[in-house]
């Protein structure tokens, strides 16, 4: 009779452990949820809107879909590459100086 009683107790402990594991998983999800929502609202959604809006030519009173034409025009413009080079240099040097100075 002792064995049957210990088996029932062991089964109850196992069930209790399973319930605690499920609660832990739910708690982890609830702990991550605010960060996920903040990331979605503050980073992913605005980035999506910027990309979507960049596919349109926005002239007052006219909103026309132009697709990738603006990106192509930008890629063949030599000024873009000069400005990009300056931006990369500025960012790299300012990061390096900040790192060195602490």
PDB file of N, CA and C in Angstrom:
ATOM      1  N   UNK A   1       0.819  -1.184   0.000  1.00  0.00           N
ATOM      2  CA  UNK A   1       0.000   0.000   0.000  1.00  0.00           C
ATOM      3  C   UNK A   1       0.868   1.255   0.000  1.00  0.00           C
ATOM      4  N   UNK A   2       2.008   1.126   0.558  1.00  0.00           N
ATOM      5  CA  UNK A   2       2.922   2.245   0.592  1.00  0.00           C
ATOM      6  C   UNK A   2       3.344   2.668  -0.810  1.00  0.00           C
ATOM      7  N   UNK A   3       3.570   1.657  -1.670  1.00  0.00           N
ATOM      8  CA  UNK A   3       3.995   1.961  -3.026  1.00  0.00           C
ATOM      9  C   UNK A   3       2.907   2.701  -3.792  1.00  0.00           C
ATOM     10  N   UNK A   4       1.690   2.282  -3.647  1.00  0.00           N
ATOM     11  CA  UNK A   4       0.584   2.925  -4.356  1.00  0.00           C
ATOM     12  C   UNK A   4       0.433   4.358  -3.883  1.00  0.00           C
ATOM     13  N   UNK A   5       0.558   4.580  -2.615  1.00  0.00           N
ATOM     14  CA  UNK A   5       0.468   5.928  -2.069  1.00  0.00           C
ATOM     15  C   UNK A   5       1.611   6.800  -2.541  1.00  0.00           C
ATOM     16  N   UNK A   6       2.820   6.255  -2.622  1.00  0.00           N
ATOM     17  CA  UNK A   6       3.967   7.036  -3.081  1.00  0.00           C
ATOM     18  C   UNK A   6       3.855   7.311  -4.574  1.00  0.00           C
ATOM     19  N   UNK A   7       3.265   6.393  -5.343  1.00  0.00           N
ATOM     20  CA  UNK A   7       3.074   6.608  -6.777  1.00  0.00           C
ATOM     21  C   UNK A   7       2.084   7.728  -7.004  1.00  0.00           C
ATOM     22  N   UNK A   8       1.020   7.760  -6.229  1.00  0.00           N
ATOM     23  CA  UNK A   8       0.023   8.829  -6.358  1.00  0.00           C
ATOM     24  C   UNK A   8       0.643  10.164  -5.981  1.00  0.00           C
ATOM     25  N   UNK A   9       1.479  10.158  -4.952  1.00  0.00           N
ATOM     26  CA  UNK A   9       2.146  11.386  -4.548  1.00  0.00           C
ATOM     27  C   UNK A   9       3.128  11.833  -5.628  1.00  0.00           C
ATOM     28  N   UNK A  10       3.852  10.889  -6.214  1.00  0.00           N
ATOM     29  CA  UNK A  10       4.796  11.217  -7.271  1.00  0.00           C
ATOM     30  C   UNK A  10       4.063  11.764  -8.491  1.00  0.00           C
ATOM     31  N   UNK A  11       2.892  11.177  -8.787  1.00  0.00           N
ATOM     32  CA  UNK A  11       2.096  11.667  -9.914  1.00  0.00           C
ATOM     33  C   UNK A  11       1.598  13.074  -9.666  1.00  0.00           C
ATOM     34  N   UNK A  12       1.214  13.366  -8.435  1.00  0.00           N
ATOM     35  CA  UNK A  12       0.756  14.714  -8.092  1.00  0.00           C
ATOM     36  C   UNK A  12       1.908  15.702  -8.193  1.00  0.00           C
ATOM     37  N   UNK A  13       3.111  15.293  -7.794  1.00  0.00           N
ATOM     38  CA  UNK A  13       4.275  16.171  -7.898  1.00  0.00           C
ATOM     39  C   UNK A  13       4.619  16.450  -9.357  1.00  0.00           C
ATOM     40  N   UNK A  14       4.515  15.400 -10.179  1.00  0.00           N
ATOM     41  CA  UNK A  14       4.799  15.572 -11.596  1.00  0.00           C
ATOM     42  C   UNK A  14       3.788  16.518 -12.226  1.00  0.00           C
ATOM     43  N   UNK A  15       2.528  16.367 -11.892  1.00  0.00           N
ATOM     44  CA  UNK A  15       1.489  17.257 -12.403  1.00  0.00           C
ATOM     45  C   UNK A  15       1.721  18.677 -11.905  1.00  0.00           C
ATOM     46  N   UNK A  16       2.107  18.807 -10.663  1.00  0.00           N
ATOM     47  CA  UNK A  16       2.409  20.125 -10.121  1.00  0.00           C
ATOM     48  C   UNK A  16       3.582  20.774 -10.833  1.00  0.00           C
ATOM     49  N   UNK A  17       4.596  19.976 -11.146  1.00  0.00           N
ATOM     50  CA  UNK A  17       5.746  20.507 -11.882  1.00  0.00           C
ATOM     51  C   UNK A  17       5.335  20.967 -13.275  1.00  0.00           C
ATOM     52  N   UNK A  18       4.457  20.186 -13.915  1.00  0.00           N
ATOM     53  CA  UNK A  18       3.991  20.564 -15.252  1.00  0.00           C
ATOM     54  C   UNK A  18       3.217  21.875 -15.207  1.00  0.00           C
ATOM     55  N   UNK A  19       2.389  22.024 -14.217  1.00  0.00           N
ATOM     56  CA  UNK A  19       1.616  23.266 -14.081  1.00  0.00           C
ATOM     57  C   UNK A  19       2.551  24.446 -13.846  1.00  0.00           C
ATOM     58  N   UNK A  20       3.557  24.260 -12.982  1.00  0.00           N
ATOM     59  CA  UNK A  20       4.529  25.326 -12.732  1.00  0.00           C
ATOM     60  C   UNK A  20       5.320  25.670 -13.987  1.00  0.00           C
ATOM     61  N   UNK A  21       5.681  24.654 -14.785  1.00  0.00           N
ATOM     62  CA  UNK A  21       6.392  24.920 -16.036  1.00  0.00           C
ATOM     63  C   UNK A  21       5.522  25.732 -16.990  1.00  0.00           C
ATOM     64  N   UNK A  22       4.244  25.380 -17.085  1.00  0.00           N
ATOM     65  CA  UNK A  22       3.330  26.139 -17.945  1.00  0.00           C
ATOM     66  C   UNK A  22       3.169  27.568 -17.454  1.00  0.00           C
ATOM     67  N   UNK A  23       3.065  27.741 -16.142  1.00  0.00           N
ATOM     68  CA  UNK A  23       2.955  29.083 -15.585  1.00  0.00           C
ATOM     69  C   UNK A  23       4.229  29.881 -15.827  1.00  0.00           C
ATOM     70  N   UNK A  24       5.378  29.220 -15.705  1.00  0.00           N
ATOM     71  CA  UNK A  24       6.648  29.891 -15.980  1.00  0.00           C
ATOM     72  C   UNK A  24       6.714  30.343 -17.428  1.00  0.00           C
ATOM     73  N   UNK A  25       6.286  29.498 -18.349  1.00  0.00           N
ATOM     74  CA  UNK A  25       6.289  29.867 -19.766  1.00  0.00           C
ATOM     75  C   UNK A  25       5.368  31.051 -20.020  1.00  0.00           C
ATOM     76  N   UNK A  26       4.206  31.025 -19.399  1.00  0.00           N
ATOM     77  CA  UNK A  26       3.281  32.152 -19.571  1.00  0.00           C
ATOM     78  C   UNK A  26       3.858  33.418 -18.963  1.00  0.00           C
ATOM     79  N   UNK A  27       4.500  33.302 -17.829  1.00  0.00           N
ATOM     80  CA  UNK A  27       5.100  34.464 -17.189  1.00  0.00           C
ATOM     81  C   UNK A  27       6.215  35.043 -18.042  1.00  0.00           C
ATOM     82  N   UNK A  28       7.025  34.171 -18.647  1.00  0.00           N
ATOM     83  CA  UNK A  28       8.090  34.638 -19.530  1.00  0.00           C
ATOM     84  C   UNK A  28       7.474  35.384 -20.710  1.00  0.00           C
ATOM     85  N   UNK A  29       6.428  34.836 -21.292  1.00  0.00           N
ATOM     86  CA  UNK A  29       5.751  35.497 -22.402  1.00  0.00           C
ATOM     87  C   UNK A  29       5.212  36.859 -21.979  1.00  0.00           C
ATOM     88  N   UNK A  30       4.595  36.916 -20.806  1.00  0.00           N
ATOM     89  CA  UNK A  30       4.062  38.189 -20.322  1.00  0.00           C
ATOM     90  C   UNK A  30       5.184  39.168 -20.000  1.00  0.00           C
ATOM     91  N   UNK A  31       6.325  38.668 -19.613  1.00  0.00           N
ATOM     92  CA  UNK A  31       7.466  39.541 -19.350  1.00  0.00           C
ATOM     93  C   UNK A  31       8.068  40.108 -20.622  1.00  0.00           C
ATOM     94  N   UNK A  32       8.036  39.334 -21.702  1.00  0.00           N
ATOM     95  CA  UNK A  32       8.591  39.773 -22.978  1.00  0.00           C
ATOM     96  C   UNK A  32       7.602  40.637 -23.748  1.00  0.00           C
ATOM     97  N   UNK A  33       6.330  40.474 -23.513  1.00  0.00           N
ATOM     98  CA  UNK A  33       5.287  41.158 -24.277  1.00  0.00           C
ATOM     99  C   UNK A  33       5.438  42.686 -24.311  1.00  0.00           C
ATOM    100  N   UNK A  34       5.674  43.376 -23.201  1.00  0.00           N
ATOM    101  CA  UNK A  34       5.821  44.834 -23.281  1.00  0.00           C
ATOM    102  C   UNK A  34       6.997  45.270 -24.151  1.00  0.00           C
ATOM    103  N   UNK A  35       8.107  44.546 -24.067  1.00  0.00           N
ATOM    104  CA  UNK A  35       9.261  44.881 -24.905  1.00  0.00           C
ATOM    105  C   UNK A  35       8.951  44.643 -26.359  1.00  0.00           C
ATOM    106  N   UNK A  36       8.277  43.562 -26.665  1.00  0.00           N
ATOM    107  CA  UNK A  36       7.900  43.261 -28.043  1.00  0.00           C
ATOM    108  C   UNK A  36       6.963  44.333 -28.591  1.00  0.00           C
ATOM    109  N   UNK A  37       5.987  44.731 -27.804  1.00  0.00           N
ATOM    110  CA  UNK A  37       5.056  45.772 -28.250  1.00  0.00           C
ATOM    111  C   UNK A  37       5.763  47.110 -28.447  1.00  0.00           C
ATOM    112  N   UNK A  38       6.637  47.469 -27.533  1.00  0.00           N
ATOM    113  CA  UNK A  38       7.367  48.727 -27.663  1.00  0.00           C
ATOM    114  C   UNK A  38       8.262  48.713 -28.900  1.00  0.00           C
ATOM    115  N   UNK A  39       8.928  47.610 -29.128  1.00  0.00           N
ATOM    116  CA  UNK A  39       9.779  47.489 -30.313  1.00  0.00           C
ATOM    117  C   UNK A  39       8.943  47.602 -31.580  1.00  0.00           C
ATOM    118  N   UNK A  40       7.814  46.935 -31.590  1.00  0.00           N
ATOM    119  CA  UNK A  40       6.950  46.978 -32.764  1.00  0.00           C
ATOM    120  C   UNK A  40       6.432  48.385 -33.003  1.00  0.00           C
ATOM    121  N   UNK A  41       5.967  49.035 -31.960  1.00  0.00           N
ATOM    122  CA  UNK A  41       5.366  50.355 -32.120  1.00  0.00           C
ATOM    123  C   UNK A  41       6.392  51.446 -32.397  1.00  0.00           C
ATOM    124  N   UNK A  42       7.568  51.346 -31.813  1.00  0.00           N
ATOM    125  CA  UNK A  42       8.546  52.426 -31.916  1.00  0.00           C
ATOM    126  C   UNK A  42       9.588  52.235 -33.009  1.00  0.00           C
ATOM    127  N   UNK A  43       9.778  51.018 -33.495  1.00  0.00           N
ATOM    128  CA  UNK A  43      10.822  50.783 -34.490  1.00  0.00           C
ATOM    129  C   UNK A  43      10.260  50.163 -35.774  1.00  0.00           C
ATOM    130  N   UNK A  44       9.609  49.040 -35.665  1.00  0.00           N
ATOM    131  CA  UNK A  44       9.201  48.290 -36.852  1.00  0.00           C
ATOM    132  C   UNK A  44       8.113  49.019 -37.631  1.00  0.00           C
ATOM    133  N   UNK A  45       7.076  49.494 -36.971  1.00  0.00           N
ATOM    134  CA  UNK A  45       5.983  50.164 -37.664  1.00  0.00           C
ATOM    135  C   UNK A  45       6.440  51.449 -38.358  1.00  0.00           C
ATOM    136  N   UNK A  46       7.178  52.349 -37.713  1.00  0.00           N
ATOM    137  CA  UNK A  46       7.659  53.537 -38.435  1.00  0.00           C
ATOM    138  C   UNK A  46       8.583  53.191 -39.606  1.00  0.00           C
ATOM    139  N   UNK A  47       9.417  52.172 -39.439  1.00  0.00           N
ATOM    140  CA  UNK A  47      10.285  51.763 -40.543  1.00  0.00           C
ATOM    141  C   UNK A  47       9.452  51.283 -41.722  1.00  0.00           C
ATOM    142  N   UNK A  48       8.423  50.511 -41.454  1.00  0.00           N
ATOM    143  CA  UNK A  48       7.525  50.063 -42.512  1.00  0.00           C
ATOM    144  C   UNK A  48       6.880  51.256 -43.218  1.00  0.00           C
ATOM    145  N   UNK A  49       6.427  52.246 -42.449  1.00  0.00           N
ATOM    146  CA  UNK A  49       5.797  53.422 -43.053  1.00  0.00           C
ATOM    147  C   UNK A  49       6.779  54.210 -43.915  1.00  0.00           C
ATOM    148  N   UNK A  50       8.022  54.338 -43.474  1.00  0.00           N
ATOM    149  CA  UNK A  50       9.022  55.069 -44.254  1.00  0.00           C
ATOM    150  C   UNK A  50       9.265  54.371 -45.586  1.00  0.00           C
ATOM    151  N   UNK A  51       9.419  53.056 -45.558  1.00  0.00           N
ATOM    152  CA  UNK A  51       9.647  52.314 -46.794  1.00  0.00           C
ATOM    153  C   UNK A  51       8.427  52.418 -47.704  1.00  0.00           C
ATOM    154  N   UNK A  52       7.246  52.267 -47.140  1.00  0.00           N
ATOM    155  CA  UNK A  52       6.018  52.373 -47.938  1.00  0.00           C
ATOM    156  C   UNK A  52       5.886  53.763 -48.556  1.00  0.00           C
ATOM    157  N   UNK A  53       6.117  54.800 -47.769  1.00  0.00           N
ATOM    158  CA  UNK A  53       5.992  56.164 -48.279  1.00  0.00           C
ATOM    159  C   UNK A  53       7.066  56.500 -49.302  1.00  0.00           C
ATOM    160  N   UNK A  54       8.215  55.845 -49.221  1.00  0.00           N
ATOM    161  CA  UNK A  54       9.280  56.130 -50.178  1.00  0.00           C
ATOM    162  C   UNK A  54       8.950  55.615 -51.573  1.00  0.00           C
ATOM    163  N   UNK A  55       7.966  54.785 -51.684  1.00  0.00           N
ATOM    164  CA  UNK A  55       7.563  54.256 -52.982  1.00  0.00           C
ATOM    165  C   UNK A  55       6.569  55.161 -53.696  1.00  0.00           C
ATOM    166  N   UNK A  56       6.234  56.278 -53.082  1.00  0.00           N
ATOM    167  CA  UNK A  56       5.277  57.224 -53.665  1.00  0.00           C
ATOM    168  C   UNK A  56       5.955  58.568 -53.888  1.00  0.00           C
ATOM    169  N   UNK A  57       5.550  59.246 -54.951  1.00  0.00           N
ATOM    170  CA  UNK A  57       5.989  60.605 -55.215  1.00  0.00           C
ATOM    171  C   UNK A  57       4.967  61.515 -54.552  1.00  0.00           C
ATOM    172  N   UNK A  58       5.426  62.285 -53.587  1.00  0.00           N
ATOM    173  CA  UNK A  58       4.507  63.107 -52.795  1.00  0.00           C
ATOM    174  C   UNK A  58       4.645  64.565 -53.202  1.00  0.00           C
ATOM    175  N   UNK A  59       3.821  64.970 -54.137  1.00  0.00           N
ATOM    176  CA  UNK A  59       3.715  66.364 -54.543  1.00  0.00           C
ATOM    177  C   UNK A  59       2.397  66.855 -53.959  1.00  0.00           C
ATOM    178  N   UNK A  60       2.357  68.084 -53.454  1.00  0.00           N
ATOM    179  CA  UNK A  60       1.091  68.554 -52.865  1.00  0.00           C
ATOM    180  C   UNK A  60      -0.086  68.316 -53.805  1.00  0.00           C
ATOM    181  N   UNK A  61      -1.119  67.723 -53.267  1.00  0.00           N
ATOM    182  CA  UNK A  61      -2.376  67.400 -53.950  1.00  0.00           C
ATOM    183  C   UNK A  61      -2.250  66.224 -54.916  1.00  0.00           C
ATOM    184  N   UNK A  62      -1.054  65.611 -55.017  1.00  0.00           N
ATOM    185  CA  UNK A  62      -0.880  64.447 -55.893  1.00  0.00           C
ATOM    186  C   UNK A  62      -0.067  63.396 -55.154  1.00  0.00           C
ATOM    187  N   UNK A  63      -0.596  62.207 -55.042  1.00  0.00           N
ATOM    188  CA  UNK A  63       0.141  61.095 -54.457  1.00  0.00           C
ATOM    189  C   UNK A  63       0.181  60.008 -55.515  1.00  0.00           C
ATOM    190  N   UNK A  64       1.351  59.800 -56.103  1.00  0.00           N
ATOM    191  CA  UNK A  64       1.482  58.883 -57.222  1.00  0.00           C
ATOM    192  C   UNK A  64       2.492  57.797 -56.883  1.00  0.00           C
ATOM    193  N   UNK A  65       2.133  56.548 -57.172  1.00  0.00           N
ATOM    194  CA  UNK A  65       3.033  55.420 -56.928  1.00  0.00           C
ATOM    195  C   UNK A  65       4.118  55.411 -57.994  1.00  0.00           C
ATOM    196  N   UNK A  66       5.369  55.408 -57.566  1.00  0.00           N
ATOM    197  CA  UNK A  66       6.485  55.387 -58.509  1.00  0.00           C
ATOM    198  C   UNK A  66       7.359  54.153 -58.327  1.00  0.00           C
ATOM    199  N   UNK A  67       7.095  53.351 -57.335  1.00  0.00           N
ATOM    200  CA  UNK A  67       7.862  52.129 -57.119  1.00  0.00           C
ATOM    201  C   UNK A  67       9.310  52.417 -56.761  1.00  0.00           C
ATOM    202  N   UNK A  68      10.211  51.726 -57.428  1.00  0.00           N
ATOM    203  CA  UNK A  68      11.632  51.840 -57.115  1.00  0.00           C
ATOM    204  C   UNK A  68      12.342  52.908 -57.933  1.00  0.00           C
ATOM    205  N   UNK A  69      11.610  53.700 -58.689  1.00  0.00           N
ATOM    206  CA  UNK A  69      12.238  54.720 -59.540  1.00  0.00           C
ATOM    207  C   UNK A  69      13.090  55.702 -58.740  1.00  0.00           C
ATOM    208  N   UNK A  70      12.628  56.093 -57.573  1.00  0.00           N
ATOM    209  CA  UNK A  70      13.394  57.038 -56.761  1.00  0.00           C
ATOM    210  C   UNK A  70      14.693  56.412 -56.259  1.00  0.00           C
ATOM    211  N   UNK A  71      14.653  55.130 -55.919  1.00  0.00           N
ATOM    212  CA  UNK A  71      15.870  54.446 -55.476  1.00  0.00           C
ATOM    213  C   UNK A  71      16.856  54.299 -56.632  1.00  0.00           C
ATOM    214  N   UNK A  72      16.355  54.005 -57.815  1.00  0.00           N
ATOM    215  CA  UNK A  72      17.222  53.884 -58.987  1.00  0.00           C
ATOM    216  C   UNK A  72      17.859  55.234 -59.310  1.00  0.00           C
ATOM    217  N   UNK A  73      17.047  56.289 -59.282  1.00  0.00           N
ATOM    218  CA  UNK A  73      17.569  57.624 -59.546  1.00  0.00           C
ATOM    219  C   UNK A  73      18.650  57.999 -58.531  1.00  0.00           C
ATOM    220  N   UNK A  74      18.427  57.628 -57.290  1.00  0.00           N
ATOM    221  CA  UNK A  74      19.390  57.923 -56.240  1.00  0.00           C
ATOM    222  C   UNK A  74      20.679  57.122 -56.454  1.00  0.00           C
ATOM    223  N   UNK A  75      20.568  55.864 -56.862  1.00  0.00           N
ATOM    224  CA  UNK A  75      21.737  55.003 -57.013  1.00  0.00           C
ATOM    225  C   UNK A  75      22.640  55.453 -58.161  1.00  0.00           C
ATOM    226  N   UNK A  76      22.077  56.081 -59.175  1.00  0.00           N
ATOM    227  CA  UNK A  76      22.912  56.520 -60.306  1.00  0.00           C
ATOM    228  C   UNK A  76      23.398  57.961 -60.137  1.00  0.00           C
ATOM    229  N   UNK A  77      22.960  58.645 -59.113  1.00  0.00           N
ATOM    230  CA  UNK A  77      23.384  60.025 -58.869  1.00  0.00           C
ATOM    231  C   UNK A  77      24.736  60.009 -58.141  1.00  0.00           C
ATOM    232  N   UNK A  78      25.786  60.578 -58.750  1.00  0.00           N
ATOM    233  CA  UNK A  78      27.108  60.551 -58.093  1.00  0.00           C
ATOM    234  C   UNK A  78      27.140  61.331 -56.784  1.00  0.00           C
ATOM    235  N   UNK A  79      26.285  62.347 -56.623  1.00  0.00           N
ATOM    236  CA  UNK A  79      26.261  63.103 -55.362  1.00  0.00           C
ATOM    237  C   UNK A  79      25.853  62.217 -54.201  1.00  0.00           C
ATOM    238  N   UNK A  80      24.950  61.273 -54.445  1.00  0.00           N
ATOM    239  CA  UNK A  80      24.509  60.375 -53.385  1.00  0.00           C
ATOM    240  C   UNK A  80      25.701  59.613 -52.804  1.00  0.00           C
ATOM    241  N   UNK A  81      26.570  59.098 -53.670  1.00  0.00           N
ATOM    242  CA  UNK A  81      27.703  58.308 -53.205  1.00  0.00           C
ATOM    243  C   UNK A  81      28.699  59.164 -52.445  1.00  0.00           C
ATOM    244  N   UNK A  82      28.861  60.425 -52.833  1.00  0.00           N
ATOM    245  CA  UNK A  82      29.732  61.340 -52.095  1.00  0.00           C
ATOM    246  C   UNK A  82      29.151  61.601 -50.707  1.00  0.00           C
ATOM    247  N   UNK A  83      27.859  61.878 -50.658  1.00  0.00           N
ATOM    248  CA  UNK A  83      27.208  62.133 -49.365  1.00  0.00           C
ATOM    249  C   UNK A  83      27.239  60.898 -48.473  1.00  0.00           C
ATOM    250  N   UNK A  84      27.048  59.725 -49.062  1.00  0.00           N
ATOM    251  CA  UNK A  84      27.097  58.490 -48.283  1.00  0.00           C
ATOM    252  C   UNK A  84      28.498  58.277 -47.717  1.00  0.00           C
ATOM    253  N   UNK A  85      29.517  58.536 -48.511  1.00  0.00           N
ATOM    254  CA  UNK A  85      30.901  58.396 -48.051  1.00  0.00           C
ATOM    255  C   UNK A  85      31.168  59.354 -46.886  1.00  0.00           C
ATOM    256  N   UNK A  86      30.713  60.598 -47.011  1.00  0.00           N
ATOM    257  CA  UNK A  86      30.903  61.566 -45.923  1.00  0.00           C
ATOM    258  C   UNK A  86      30.176  61.114 -44.655  1.00  0.00           C
ATOM    259  N   UNK A  87      28.988  60.592 -44.810  1.00  0.00           N
ATOM    260  CA  UNK A  87      28.219  60.120 -43.654  1.00  0.00           C
ATOM    261  C   UNK A  87      28.926  58.963 -42.959  1.00  0.00           C
ATOM    262  N   UNK A  88      29.451  58.022 -43.747  1.00  0.00           N
ATOM    263  CA  UNK A  88      30.147  56.876 -43.162  1.00  0.00           C
ATOM    264  C   UNK A  88      31.418  57.335 -42.449  1.00  0.00           C
ATOM    265  N   UNK A  89      32.182  58.244 -43.067  1.00  0.00           N
ATOM    266  CA  UNK A  89      33.380  58.768 -42.413  1.00  0.00           C
ATOM    267  C   UNK A  89      33.031  59.477 -41.107  1.00  0.00           C
ATOM    268  N   UNK A  90      32.046  60.351 -41.156  1.00  0.00           N
ATOM    269  CA  UNK A  90      31.656  61.105 -39.961  1.00  0.00           C
ATOM    270  C   UNK A  90      31.209  60.150 -38.844  1.00  0.00           C
ATOM    271  N   UNK A  91      30.361  59.188 -39.192  1.00  0.00           N
ATOM    272  CA  UNK A  91      29.874  58.243 -38.180  1.00  0.00           C
ATOM    273  C   UNK A  91      31.011  57.405 -37.620  1.00  0.00           C
ATOM    274  N   UNK A  92      31.876  56.927 -38.495  1.00  0.00           N
ATOM    275  CA  UNK A  92      32.988  56.099 -38.046  1.00  0.00           C
ATOM    276  C   UNK A  92      33.947  56.850 -37.146  1.00  0.00           C
ATOM    277  N   UNK A  93      34.336  58.060 -37.560  1.00  0.00           N
ATOM    278  CA  UNK A  93      35.279  58.833 -36.747  1.00  0.00           C
ATOM    279  C   UNK A  93      34.660  59.297 -35.431  1.00  0.00           C
ATOM    280  N   UNK A  94      33.404  59.706 -35.456  1.00  0.00           N
ATOM    281  CA  UNK A  94      32.786  60.136 -34.199  1.00  0.00           C
ATOM    282  C   UNK A  94      32.630  58.957 -33.244  1.00  0.00           C
ATOM    283  N   UNK A  95      32.331  57.783 -33.765  1.00  0.00           N
ATOM    284  CA  UNK A  95      32.244  56.599 -32.912  1.00  0.00           C
ATOM    285  C   UNK A  95      33.609  56.239 -32.359  1.00  0.00           C
ATOM    286  N   UNK A  96      34.636  56.300 -33.198  1.00  0.00           N
ATOM    287  CA  UNK A  96      35.993  55.993 -32.757  1.00  0.00           C
ATOM    288  C   UNK A  96      36.457  56.962 -31.676  1.00  0.00           C
ATOM    289  N   UNK A  97      36.232  58.256 -31.887  1.00  0.00           N
ATOM    290  CA  UNK A  97      36.640  59.261 -30.900  1.00  0.00           C
ATOM    291  C   UNK A  97      35.872  59.081 -29.594  1.00  0.00           C
ATOM    292  N   UNK A  98      34.566  58.809 -29.675  1.00  0.00           N
ATOM    293  CA  UNK A  98      33.785  58.566 -28.462  1.00  0.00           C
ATOM    294  C   UNK A  98      34.281  57.346 -27.719  1.00  0.00           C
ATOM    295  N   UNK A  99      34.671  56.323 -28.456  1.00  0.00           N
ATOM    296  CA  UNK A  99      35.186  55.110 -27.832  1.00  0.00           C
ATOM    297  C   UNK A  99      36.522  55.370 -27.142  1.00  0.00           C
ATOM    298  N   UNK A 100      37.386  56.121 -27.811  1.00  0.00           N
ATOM    299  CA  UNK A 100      38.698  56.421 -27.231  1.00  0.00           C
ATOM    300  C   UNK A 100      38.584  57.305 -25.985  1.00  0.00           C
ATOM    301  N   UNK A 101      37.740  58.331 -26.069  1.00  0.00           N
ATOM    302  CA  UNK A 101      37.585  59.253 -24.933  1.00  0.00           C
ATOM    303  C   UNK A 101      36.753  58.658 -23.804  1.00  0.00           C
ATOM    304  N   UNK A 102      35.994  57.672 -24.122  1.00  0.00           N
ATOM    305  CA  UNK A 102      35.202  57.004 -23.095  1.00  0.00           C
ATOM    306  C   UNK A 102      33.906  57.674 -22.932  1.00  0.00           C
TER     307      UNK A 102
END
